[in-house]
Amino acid sequence: RYPHEFSGGQRQRIGIARAIALNPRFIVADEAVS
């Protein structure tokens, strides 16, 4: 499905999934819940 088919909280979870996809060690969460 496409991003517009998800709620705001679900879209942020998608962004989190993308951020951890490569198993990073450090993440900048820039106003991630505001």
Full PDB file with SEQRES, HELIX, SHEET, SSBOND, CRYST1, ORIGX, SCALE, CONECT and MASTER records, all heavy atoms in Angstrom:
SEQRES   1 A   34  ARG TYR PRO HIS GLU PHE SER GLY GLY GLN ARG GLN ARG          
SEQRES   2 A   34  ILE GLY ILE ALA ARG ALA ILE ALA LEU ASN PRO ARG PHE          
SEQRES   3 A   34  ILE VAL ALA ASP GLU ALA VAL SER                              
HELIX    1 AA1 PRO A    3  GLU A    5  5                                   3    
HELIX    2 AA2 GLY A    8  ALA A   19  1                                  12    
CRYST1    1.000    1.000    1.000  90.00  90.00  90.00 P 1           1          
ORIGX1      1.000000  0.000000  0.000000        0.00000                         
ORIGX2      0.000000  1.000000  0.000000        0.00000                         
ORIGX3      0.000000  0.000000  1.000000        0.00000                         
SCALE1      1.000000  0.000000  0.000000        0.00000                         
SCALE2      0.000000  1.000000  0.000000        0.00000                         
SCALE3      0.000000  0.000000  1.000000        0.00000                         
ATOM      1  N   ARG A   1       0.835  -1.199   0.000  1.00  0.00           N  
ATOM      2  CA  ARG A   1       0.000   0.000   0.000  1.00  0.00           C  
ATOM      3  C   ARG A   1       0.875   1.257   0.000  1.00  0.00           C  
ATOM      4  O   ARG A   1       2.088   1.188   0.175  1.00  0.00           O  
ATOM      5  CB  ARG A   1      -0.934  -0.009   1.212  1.00  0.00           C  
ATOM      6  CG  ARG A   1      -1.904  -1.190   1.226  1.00  0.00           C  
ATOM      7  CD  ARG A   1      -2.948  -1.048   2.295  1.00  0.00           C  
ATOM      8  NE  ARG A   1      -3.885  -2.174   2.289  1.00  0.00           N  
ATOM      9  CZ  ARG A   1      -4.964  -2.250   3.056  1.00  0.00           C  
ATOM     10  NH1 ARG A   1      -5.245  -1.256   3.916  1.00  0.00           N  
ATOM     11  NH2 ARG A   1      -5.759  -3.301   2.996  1.00  0.00           N  
ATOM     12  N   TYR A   2       0.209   2.399  -0.174  1.00  0.00           N  
ATOM     13  CA  TYR A   2       0.898   3.684  -0.257  1.00  0.00           C  
ATOM     14  C   TYR A   2       0.824   4.429   1.080  1.00  0.00           C  
ATOM     15  O   TYR A   2      -0.052   4.128   1.917  1.00  0.00           O  
ATOM     16  CB  TYR A   2       0.283   4.541  -1.358  1.00  0.00           C  
ATOM     17  CG  TYR A   2       0.532   4.012  -2.753  1.00  0.00           C  
ATOM     18  CD1 TYR A   2      -0.419   3.214  -3.394  1.00  0.00           C  
ATOM     19  CD2 TYR A   2       1.710   4.313  -3.436  1.00  0.00           C  
ATOM     20  CE1 TYR A   2      -0.200   2.735  -4.683  1.00  0.00           C  
ATOM     21  CE2 TYR A   2       1.950   3.839  -4.710  1.00  0.00           C  
ATOM     22  CZ  TYR A   2       0.986   3.041  -5.325  1.00  0.00           C  
ATOM     23  OH  TYR A   2       1.220   2.565  -6.592  1.00  0.00           O  
ATOM     24  N   PRO A   3       1.719   5.404   1.306  1.00  0.00           N  
ATOM     25  CA  PRO A   3       1.744   6.111   2.593  1.00  0.00           C  
ATOM     26  C   PRO A   3       0.415   6.752   2.988  1.00  0.00           C  
ATOM     27  O   PRO A   3       0.070   6.767   4.172  1.00  0.00           O  
ATOM     28  CB  PRO A   3       2.828   7.173   2.377  1.00  0.00           C  
ATOM     29  CG  PRO A   3       3.746   6.579   1.374  1.00  0.00           C  
ATOM     30  CD  PRO A   3       2.861   5.789   0.451  1.00  0.00           C  
ATOM     31  N   HIS A   4      -0.357   7.276   2.016  1.00  0.00           N  
ATOM     32  CA  HIS A   4      -1.603   7.970   2.370  1.00  0.00           C  
ATOM     33  C   HIS A   4      -2.653   7.028   2.938  1.00  0.00           C  
ATOM     34  O   HIS A   4      -3.659   7.477   3.487  1.00  0.00           O  
ATOM     35  CB  HIS A   4      -2.162   8.711   1.143  1.00  0.00           C  
ATOM     36  CG  HIS A   4      -2.774   7.811   0.112  1.00  0.00           C  
ATOM     37  ND1 HIS A   4      -2.047   7.311  -0.953  1.00  0.00           N  
ATOM     38  CD2 HIS A   4      -4.029   7.310  -0.016  1.00  0.00           C  
ATOM     39  CE1 HIS A   4      -2.825   6.555  -1.690  1.00  0.00           C  
ATOM     40  NE2 HIS A   4      -4.040   6.535  -1.151  1.00  0.00           N  
ATOM     41  N   GLU A   5      -2.432   5.724   2.833  1.00  0.00           N  
ATOM     42  CA  GLU A   5      -3.384   4.744   3.350  1.00  0.00           C  
ATOM     43  C   GLU A   5      -3.115   4.394   4.816  1.00  0.00           C  
ATOM     44  O   GLU A   5      -3.784   3.522   5.369  1.00  0.00           O  
ATOM     45  CB  GLU A   5      -3.350   3.479   2.496  1.00  0.00           C  
ATOM     46  CG  GLU A   5      -3.717   3.709   1.042  1.00  0.00           C  
ATOM     47  CD  GLU A   5      -3.664   2.439   0.227  1.00  0.00           C  
ATOM     48  OE1 GLU A   5      -4.593   1.615   0.370  1.00  0.00           O  
ATOM     49  OE2 GLU A   5      -2.710   2.264  -0.547  1.00  0.00           O  
ATOM     50  N   PHE A   6      -2.142   5.089   5.424  1.00  0.00           N  
ATOM     51  CA  PHE A   6      -1.788   4.834   6.815  1.00  0.00           C  
ATOM     52  C   PHE A   6      -2.034   6.081   7.652  1.00  0.00           C  
ATOM     53  O   PHE A   6      -2.012   7.206   7.136  1.00  0.00           O  
ATOM     54  CB  PHE A   6      -0.318   4.409   6.926  1.00  0.00           C  
ATOM     55  CG  PHE A   6      -0.006   3.084   6.295  1.00  0.00           C  
ATOM     56  CD1 PHE A   6       0.194   2.979   4.924  1.00  0.00           C  
ATOM     57  CD2 PHE A   6       0.073   1.944   7.067  1.00  0.00           C  
ATOM     58  CE1 PHE A   6       0.493   1.762   4.335  1.00  0.00           C  
ATOM     59  CE2 PHE A   6       0.366   0.712   6.497  1.00  0.00           C  
ATOM     60  CZ  PHE A   6       0.565   0.620   5.127  1.00  0.00           C  
ATOM     61  N   SER A   7      -2.227   5.890   8.949  1.00  0.00           N  
ATOM     62  CA  SER A   7      -2.386   7.019   9.875  1.00  0.00           C  
ATOM     63  C   SER A   7      -1.030   7.653  10.158  1.00  0.00           C  
ATOM     64  O   SER A   7       0.023   7.119   9.777  1.00  0.00           O  
ATOM     65  CB  SER A   7      -3.019   6.536  11.178  1.00  0.00           C  
ATOM     66  OG  SER A   7      -2.122   5.684  11.883  1.00  0.00           O  
ATOM     67  N   GLY A   8      -1.063   8.805  10.856  1.00  0.00           N  
ATOM     68  CA  GLY A   8       0.181   9.493  11.168  1.00  0.00           C  
ATOM     69  C   GLY A   8       1.124   8.646  11.999  1.00  0.00           C  
ATOM     70  O   GLY A   8       2.334   8.594  11.738  1.00  0.00           O  
ATOM     71  N   GLY A   9       0.606   7.985  13.014  1.00  0.00           N  
ATOM     72  CA  GLY A   9       1.434   7.136  13.850  1.00  0.00           C  
ATOM     73  C   GLY A   9       2.009   5.960  13.087  1.00  0.00           C  
ATOM     74  O   GLY A   9       3.172   5.575  13.279  1.00  0.00           O  
ATOM     75  N   GLN A  10       1.209   5.379  12.187  1.00  0.00           N  
ATOM     76  CA  GLN A  10       1.688   4.262  11.374  1.00  0.00           C  
ATOM     77  C   GLN A  10       2.763   4.723  10.398  1.00  0.00           C  
ATOM     78  O   GLN A  10       3.750   4.011  10.164  1.00  0.00           O  
ATOM     79  CB  GLN A  10       0.518   3.628  10.619  1.00  0.00           C  
ATOM     80  CG  GLN A  10      -0.452   2.868  11.515  1.00  0.00           C  
ATOM     81  CD  GLN A  10      -1.700   2.436  10.776  1.00  0.00           C  
ATOM     82  OE1 GLN A  10      -2.137   3.082   9.816  1.00  0.00           O  
ATOM     83  NE2 GLN A  10      -2.289   1.325  11.213  1.00  0.00           N  
ATOM     84  N   ARG A  11       2.583   5.934   9.830  1.00  0.00           N  
ATOM     85  CA  ARG A  11       3.604   6.451   8.910  1.00  0.00           C  
ATOM     86  C   ARG A  11       4.922   6.692   9.637  1.00  0.00           C  
ATOM     87  O   ARG A  11       5.994   6.477   9.070  1.00  0.00           O  
ATOM     88  CB  ARG A  11       3.114   7.741   8.249  1.00  0.00           C  
ATOM     89  CG  ARG A  11       2.038   7.511   7.197  1.00  0.00           C  
ATOM     90  CD  ARG A  11       1.832   8.731   6.326  1.00  0.00           C  
ATOM     91  NE  ARG A  11       1.215   9.844   7.046  1.00  0.00           N  
ATOM     92  CZ  ARG A  11      -0.081  10.126   7.009  1.00  0.00           C  
ATOM     93  NH1 ARG A  11      -0.917   9.357   6.322  1.00  0.00           N  
ATOM     94  NH2 ARG A  11      -0.557  11.171   7.669  1.00  0.00           N  
ATOM     95  N   GLN A  12       4.836   7.149  10.895  1.00  0.00           N  
ATOM     96  CA  GLN A  12       6.078   7.341  11.636  1.00  0.00           C  
ATOM     97  C   GLN A  12       6.749   6.004  11.929  1.00  0.00           C  
ATOM     98  O   GLN A  12       7.986   5.905  11.931  1.00  0.00           O  
ATOM     99  CB  GLN A  12       5.819   8.112  12.927  1.00  0.00           C  
ATOM    100  CG  GLN A  12       7.062   8.676  13.586  1.00  0.00           C  
ATOM    101  CD  GLN A  12       7.816   9.657  12.707  1.00  0.00           C  
ATOM    102  OE1 GLN A  12       8.410   9.286  11.704  1.00  0.00           O  
ATOM    103  NE2 GLN A  12       7.770  10.932  13.073  1.00  0.00           N  
ATOM    104  N   ARG A  13       5.963   4.972  12.149  1.00  0.00           N  
ATOM    105  CA  ARG A  13       6.530   3.629  12.333  1.00  0.00           C  
ATOM    106  C   ARG A  13       7.223   3.158  11.046  1.00  0.00           C  
ATOM    107  O   ARG A  13       8.250   2.470  11.099  1.00  0.00           O  
ATOM    108  CB  ARG A  13       5.444   2.639  12.745  1.00  0.00           C  
ATOM    109  CG  ARG A  13       4.918   2.852  14.165  1.00  0.00           C  
ATOM    110  CD  ARG A  13       3.729   1.959  14.462  1.00  0.00           C  
ATOM    111  NE  ARG A  13       3.162   2.237  15.773  1.00  0.00           N  
ATOM    112  CZ  ARG A  13       3.453   1.561  16.879  1.00  0.00           C  
ATOM    113  NH1 ARG A  13       4.311   0.557  16.830  1.00  0.00           N  
ATOM    114  NH2 ARG A  13       2.897   1.878  18.036  1.00  0.00           N  
ATOM    115  N   ILE A  14       6.662   3.537   9.907  1.00  0.00           N  
ATOM    116  CA  ILE A  14       7.306   3.212   8.637  1.00  0.00           C  
ATOM    117  C   ILE A  14       8.661   3.914   8.553  1.00  0.00           C  
ATOM    118  O   ILE A  14       9.662   3.321   8.127  1.00  0.00           O  
ATOM    119  CB  ILE A  14       6.402   3.626   7.460  1.00  0.00           C  
ATOM    120  CG1 ILE A  14       5.130   2.773   7.446  1.00  0.00           C  
ATOM    121  CG2 ILE A  14       7.148   3.497   6.128  1.00  0.00           C  
ATOM    122  CD1 ILE A  14       4.050   3.286   6.506  1.00  0.00           C  
ATOM    123  N   GLY A  15       8.685   5.190   8.945  1.00  0.00           N  
ATOM    124  CA  GLY A  15       9.944   5.921   8.958  1.00  0.00           C  
ATOM    125  C   GLY A  15      10.964   5.304   9.896  1.00  0.00           C  
ATOM    126  O   GLY A  15      12.172   5.272   9.589  1.00  0.00           O  
ATOM    127  N   ILE A  16      10.506   4.805  11.034  1.00  0.00           N  
ATOM    128  CA  ILE A  16      11.407   4.138  11.983  1.00  0.00           C  
ATOM    129  C   ILE A  16      11.939   2.846  11.384  1.00  0.00           C  
ATOM    130  O   ILE A  16      13.132   2.536  11.502  1.00  0.00           O  
ATOM    131  CB  ILE A  16      10.674   3.882  13.311  1.00  0.00           C  
ATOM    132  CG1 ILE A  16      10.337   5.213  13.999  1.00  0.00           C  
ATOM    133  CG2 ILE A  16      11.509   2.998  14.227  1.00  0.00           C  
ATOM    134  CD1 ILE A  16       9.434   5.068  15.207  1.00  0.00           C  
ATOM    135  N   ALA A  17      11.058   2.086  10.726  1.00  0.00           N  
ATOM    136  CA  ALA A  17      11.494   0.837  10.088  1.00  0.00           C  
ATOM    137  C   ALA A  17      12.555   1.107   9.031  1.00  0.00           C  
ATOM    138  O   ALA A  17      13.533   0.360   8.909  1.00  0.00           O  
ATOM    139  CB  ALA A  17      10.287   0.125   9.474  1.00  0.00           C  
ATOM    140  N   ARG A  18      12.365   2.176   8.260  1.00  0.00           N  
ATOM    141  CA  ARG A  18      13.362   2.527   7.249  1.00  0.00           C  
ATOM    142  C   ARG A  18      14.694   2.907   7.908  1.00  0.00           C  
ATOM    143  O   ARG A  18      15.770   2.556   7.410  1.00  0.00           O  
ATOM    144  CB  ARG A  18      12.859   3.687   6.398  1.00  0.00           C  
ATOM    145  CG  ARG A  18      13.847   4.183   5.362  1.00  0.00           C  
ATOM    146  CD  ARG A  18      13.252   5.277   4.499  1.00  0.00           C  
ATOM    147  NE  ARG A  18      12.839   6.441   5.301  1.00  0.00           N  
ATOM    148  CZ  ARG A  18      12.222   7.506   4.807  1.00  0.00           C  
ATOM    149  NH1 ARG A  18      11.926   7.550   3.513  1.00  0.00           N  
ATOM    150  NH2 ARG A  18      11.884   8.519   5.589  1.00  0.00           N  
ATOM    151  N   ALA A  19      14.629   3.619   9.038  1.00  0.00           N  
ATOM    152  CA  ALA A  19      15.849   4.073   9.711  1.00  0.00           C  
ATOM    153  C   ALA A  19      16.662   2.919  10.282  1.00  0.00           C  
ATOM    154  O   ALA A  19      17.892   2.993  10.352  1.00  0.00           O  
ATOM    155  CB  ALA A  19      15.494   5.062  10.814  1.00  0.00           C  
ATOM    156  N   ILE A  20      16.000   1.844  10.711  1.00  0.00           N  
ATOM    157  CA  ILE A  20      16.726   0.724  11.340  1.00  0.00           C  
ATOM    158  C   ILE A  20      17.003  -0.406  10.359  1.00  0.00           C  
ATOM    159  O   ILE A  20      17.538  -1.446  10.747  1.00  0.00           O  
ATOM    160  CB  ILE A  20      15.952   0.172  12.556  1.00  0.00           C  
ATOM    161  CG1 ILE A  20      14.615  -0.440  12.131  1.00  0.00           C  
ATOM    162  CG2 ILE A  20      15.736   1.254  13.596  1.00  0.00           C  
ATOM    163  CD1 ILE A  20      13.874  -1.141  13.254  1.00  0.00           C  
ATOM    164  N   ALA A  21      16.666  -0.204   9.081  1.00  0.00           N  
ATOM    165  CA  ALA A  21      16.788  -1.286   8.094  1.00  0.00           C  
ATOM    166  C   ALA A  21      18.213  -1.804   7.978  1.00  0.00           C  
ATOM    167  O   ALA A  21      18.431  -2.997   7.747  1.00  0.00           O  
ATOM    168  CB  ALA A  21      16.286  -0.803   6.734  1.00  0.00           C  
ATOM    169  N   LEU A  22      19.198  -0.932   8.125  1.00  0.00           N  
ATOM    170  CA  LEU A  22      20.601  -1.317   7.941  1.00  0.00           C  
ATOM    171  C   LEU A  22      21.320  -1.608   9.262  1.00  0.00           C  
ATOM    172  O   LEU A  22      22.544  -1.691   9.297  1.00  0.00           O  
ATOM    173  CB  LEU A  22      21.341  -0.195   7.203  1.00  0.00           C  
ATOM    174  CG  LEU A  22      20.844   0.102   5.786  1.00  0.00           C  
ATOM    175  CD1 LEU A  22      21.512   1.348   5.230  1.00  0.00           C  
ATOM    176  CD2 LEU A  22      21.072  -1.086   4.870  1.00  0.00           C  
ATOM    177  N   ASN A  23      20.526  -1.758  10.336  1.00  0.00           N  
ATOM    178  CA  ASN A  23      21.100  -2.003  11.672  1.00  0.00           C  
ATOM    179  C   ASN A  23      22.105  -0.928  12.062  1.00  0.00           C  
ATOM    180  O   ASN A  23      23.287  -1.217  12.360  1.00  0.00           O  
ATOM    181  CB  ASN A  23      21.768  -3.378  11.729  1.00  0.00           C  
ATOM    182  CG  ASN A  23      20.785  -4.507  11.550  1.00  0.00           C  
ATOM    183  OD1 ASN A  23      19.706  -4.503  12.148  1.00  0.00           O  
ATOM    184  ND2 ASN A  23      21.129  -5.475  10.713  1.00  0.00           N  
ATOM    185  N   PRO A  24      21.688   0.342  12.072  1.00  0.00           N  
ATOM    186  CA  PRO A  24      22.612   1.428  12.421  1.00  0.00           C  
ATOM    187  C   PRO A  24      22.957   1.401  13.903  1.00  0.00           C  
ATOM    188  O   PRO A  24      22.282   0.761  14.718  1.00  0.00           O  
ATOM    189  CB  PRO A  24      21.816   2.681  12.064  1.00  0.00           C  
ATOM    190  CG  PRO A  24      20.397   2.278  12.297  1.00  0.00           C  
ATOM    191  CD  PRO A  24      20.314   0.838  11.858  1.00  0.00           C  
ATOM    192  N   ARG A  25      23.996   2.129  14.255  1.00  0.00           N  
ATOM    193  CA  ARG A  25      24.388   2.269  15.655  1.00  0.00           C  
ATOM    194  C   ARG A  25      23.872   3.570  16.253  1.00  0.00           C  
ATOM    195  O   ARG A  25      23.698   3.659  17.466  1.00  0.00           O  
ATOM    196  CB  ARG A  25      25.911   2.197  15.769  1.00  0.00           C  
ATOM    197  CG  ARG A  25      26.507   0.885  15.287  1.00  0.00           C  
ATOM    198  CD  ARG A  25      28.031   0.925  15.280  1.00  0.00           C  
ATOM    199  NE  ARG A  25      28.562   1.120  16.622  1.00  0.00           N  
ATOM    200  CZ  ARG A  25      29.841   1.348  16.883  1.00  0.00           C  
ATOM    201  NH1 ARG A  25      30.714   1.435  15.889  1.00  0.00           N  
ATOM    202  NH2 ARG A  25      30.265   1.515  18.119  1.00  0.00           N  
ATOM    203  N   PHE A  26      23.656   4.582  15.397  1.00  0.00           N  
ATOM    204  CA  PHE A  26      23.272   5.907  15.876  1.00  0.00           C  
ATOM    205  C   PHE A  26      22.126   6.450  15.035  1.00  0.00           C  
ATOM    206  O   PHE A  26      22.146   6.362  13.809  1.00  0.00           O  
ATOM    207  CB  PHE A  26      24.475   6.857  15.799  1.00  0.00           C  
ATOM    208  CG  PHE A  26      24.157   8.299  16.102  1.00  0.00           C  
ATOM    209  CD1 PHE A  26      23.733   8.676  17.367  1.00  0.00           C  
ATOM    210  CD2 PHE A  26      24.293   9.279  15.126  1.00  0.00           C  
ATOM    211  CE1 PHE A  26      23.441  10.002  17.654  1.00  0.00           C  
ATOM    212  CE2 PHE A  26      24.012  10.602  15.404  1.00  0.00           C  
ATOM    213  CZ  PHE A  26      23.583  10.962  16.671  1.00  0.00           C  
ATOM    214  N   ILE A  27      21.102   7.010  15.712  1.00  0.00           N  
ATOM    215  CA  ILE A  27      19.943   7.571  15.019  1.00  0.00           C  
ATOM    216  C   ILE A  27      19.635   8.947  15.595  1.00  0.00           C  
ATOM    217  O   ILE A  27      19.578   9.126  16.815  1.00  0.00           O  
ATOM    218  CB  ILE A  27      18.705   6.665  15.164  1.00  0.00           C  
ATOM    219  CG1 ILE A  27      18.919   5.348  14.416  1.00  0.00           C  
ATOM    220  CG2 ILE A  27      17.449   7.351  14.629  1.00  0.00           C  
ATOM    221  CD1 ILE A  27      17.748   4.378  14.542  1.00  0.00           C  
ATOM    222  N   VAL A  28      19.436   9.920  14.704  1.00  0.00           N  
ATOM    223  CA  VAL A  28      18.927  11.231  15.092  1.00  0.00           C  
ATOM    224  C   VAL A  28      17.416  11.204  14.941  1.00  0.00           C  
ATOM    225  O   VAL A  28      16.906  11.009  13.834  1.00  0.00           O  
ATOM    226  CB  VAL A  28      19.525  12.346  14.218  1.00  0.00           C  
ATOM    227  CG1 VAL A  28      18.854  13.687  14.534  1.00  0.00           C  
ATOM    228  CG2 VAL A  28      21.026  12.449  14.432  1.00  0.00           C  
ATOM    229  N   ALA A  29      16.695  11.356  16.037  1.00  0.00           N  
ATOM    230  CA  ALA A  29      15.231  11.439  16.012  1.00  0.00           C  
ATOM    231  C   ALA A  29      14.858  12.912  16.088  1.00  0.00           C  
ATOM    232  O   ALA A  29      14.846  13.510  17.165  1.00  0.00           O  
ATOM    233  CB  ALA A  29      14.629  10.654  17.175  1.00  0.00           C  
ATOM    234  N   ASP A  30      14.589  13.506  14.926  1.00  0.00           N  
ATOM    235  CA  ASP A  30      14.363  14.946  14.819  1.00  0.00           C  
ATOM    236  C   ASP A  30      12.880  15.253  14.985  1.00  0.00           C  
ATOM    237  O   ASP A  30      12.113  15.155  14.021  1.00  0.00           O  
ATOM    238  CB  ASP A  30      14.883  15.453  13.468  1.00  0.00           C  
ATOM    239  CG  ASP A  30      14.781  16.969  13.338  1.00  0.00           C  
ATOM    240  OD1 ASP A  30      14.521  17.641  14.354  1.00  0.00           O  
ATOM    241  OD2 ASP A  30      14.960  17.482  12.222  1.00  0.00           O  
ATOM    242  N   GLU A  31      12.476  15.619  16.196  1.00  0.00           N  
ATOM    243  CA  GLU A  31      11.067  15.909  16.491  1.00  0.00           C  
ATOM    244  C   GLU A  31      10.191  14.746  16.034  1.00  0.00           C  
ATOM    245  O   GLU A  31       9.137  14.941  15.422  1.00  0.00           O  
ATOM    246  CB  GLU A  31      10.632  17.209  15.796  1.00  0.00           C  
ATOM    247  CG  GLU A  31      11.464  18.419  16.137  1.00  0.00           C  
ATOM    248  CD  GLU A  31      11.018  19.092  17.423  1.00  0.00           C  
ATOM    249  OE1 GLU A  31      10.103  18.561  18.079  1.00  0.00           O  
ATOM    250  OE2 GLU A  31      11.583  20.141  17.757  1.00  0.00           O  
ATOM    251  N   ALA A  32      10.607  13.533  16.374  1.00  0.00           N  
ATOM    252  CA  ALA A  32       9.970  12.344  15.809  1.00  0.00           C  
ATOM    253  C   ALA A  32       8.537  12.127  16.278  1.00  0.00           C  
ATOM    254  O   ALA A  32       7.796  11.352  15.657  1.00  0.00           O  
ATOM    255  CB  ALA A  32      10.807  11.109  16.146  1.00  0.00           C  
ATOM    256  N   VAL A  33       8.112  12.784  17.367  1.00  0.00           N  
ATOM    257  CA  VAL A  33       6.745  12.571  17.864  1.00  0.00           C  
ATOM    258  C   VAL A  33       5.947  13.862  17.958  1.00  0.00           C  
ATOM    259  O   VAL A  33       4.788  13.841  18.361  1.00  0.00           O  
ATOM    260  CB  VAL A  33       6.772  11.884  19.255  1.00  0.00           C  
ATOM    261  CG1 VAL A  33       7.425  10.507  19.174  1.00  0.00           C  
ATOM    262  CG2 VAL A  33       7.478  12.748  20.295  1.00  0.00           C  
ATOM    263  N   SER A  34       6.534  14.993  17.574  1.00  0.00           N  
ATOM    264  CA  SER A  34       5.869  16.283  17.775  1.00  0.00           C  
ATOM    265  C   SER A  34       4.630  16.448  16.904  1.00  0.00           C  
ATOM    266  O   SER A  34       3.724  17.216  17.251  1.00  0.00           O  
ATOM    267  CB  SER A  34       6.840  17.433  17.506  1.00  0.00           C  
ATOM    268  OG  SER A  34       7.264  17.428  16.162  1.00  0.00           O  
TER     269      SER A  34                                                      
MASTER        0    0    0    2    0    0    0    6  268    1    0    3          
END                                                                             
